[in-house]
Each structure stands twice: as structure tokens, then as C-alpha cells.
Protein backbone atom coordinates (compact mmCIF):
# COMPACT_ATOMS: atom_id res chain seq x y z
CA MET A 1 96.16 154.92 100.38
CA SER A 2 98.64 151.66 101.16
CA ALA A 3 101.73 151.08 99.13
CA ARG A 4 99.81 147.47 98.50
CA LEU A 5 96.41 148.74 97.61
CA ARG A 6 98.72 150.98 95.26
CA SER A 7 100.12 148.37 93.68
CA ILE A 8 96.82 146.51 93.00
CA ALA A 9 95.73 149.34 91.42
CA ARG A 10 98.71 150.02 89.17
CA GLU A 11 98.75 146.06 88.04
CA THR A 12 95.03 146.55 87.21
CA GLU A 13 94.85 149.44 85.20
CA SER A 14 97.84 147.72 83.19
CA ILE A 15 95.86 144.88 82.97
CA VAL A 16 92.64 146.50 81.30
CA LEU A 17 94.90 148.85 79.22
CA ALA A 18 96.60 145.51 77.76
CA GLY A 19 93.28 143.63 77.53
CA ARG A 20 95.01 140.10 78.83
CA TYR A 21 96.76 138.75 81.74
CA ARG A 22 99.02 135.83 82.55
CA THR A 23 98.08 133.95 85.35
CA SER A 24 100.48 132.35 88.16
CA GLU A 25 100.29 129.23 85.72
CA GLY A 26 101.92 131.13 82.51
CA ARG A 27 98.06 130.50 80.69
CA GLU A 28 97.24 133.82 78.90
CA VAL A 29 93.49 135.38 79.58
CA SER A 30 92.00 137.73 77.41
CA ILE A 31 89.90 140.75 78.58
CA GLY A 32 89.40 142.66 75.93
CA PRO A 33 85.89 141.74 74.76
CA ASP A 34 84.85 142.15 78.02
CA VAL A 35 86.44 145.18 78.41
CA ALA A 36 84.98 146.50 75.15
CA THR A 37 81.78 145.28 76.54
CA ALA A 38 81.78 146.88 79.62
CA LEU A 39 83.12 150.20 78.10
CA ALA A 40 80.52 150.37 75.42
CA GLY A 41 77.81 149.97 78.46
CA THR A 42 79.08 152.55 80.77
CA ARG A 43 77.05 155.62 81.15
CA LEU A 44 77.24 158.74 83.31
CA HIS A 45 74.33 159.83 85.07
CA GLY A 46 74.18 163.18 87.06
CA ALA A 47 72.17 166.00 88.25
CA GLY A 48 72.57 167.83 84.99
CA PRO A 49 74.12 167.86 81.40
CA SER A 50 77.64 167.13 81.93
CA ALA A 51 80.81 167.89 79.33
CA CYS A 52 80.29 164.31 77.48
CA SER A 53 76.88 163.89 77.25
CA LYS A 54 75.13 164.72 73.61
CA SER A 55 72.39 166.86 73.17
CA PRO A 56 69.65 166.02 72.05
CA PRO A 57 68.63 166.68 67.99
């Protein structure tokens, strides 16, 4: 991976962790609620049970 792509990945991770970013015009954009919604809707589907899956009752 190129240094440019690594830099973009680091910046993206920082933005997601912070839940916001600032545009080049200085305006702050909040993405926290959208990230939380995406995280809540994320599911892992594999070939079988994984260490993070819950067993049925």
C-alpha cells in the first residue's frame, strides 16, 4: 500500500473515532450518530459460529 493510501486510511480512522471532521471551509460535520447506526446494523456472517456470535438460548 502506498504512503498516500496509508495516510488516507489513518485520517479516515481518526474521523470515525472522533465522530466528526472539519471541512476545508472550517465547518464541522458530525458523523457520530451515523457511525453508531452503521455499527448497530453491522453483522458478521461466516461459515459457522464465531467467537463473537451469541449461542441460541
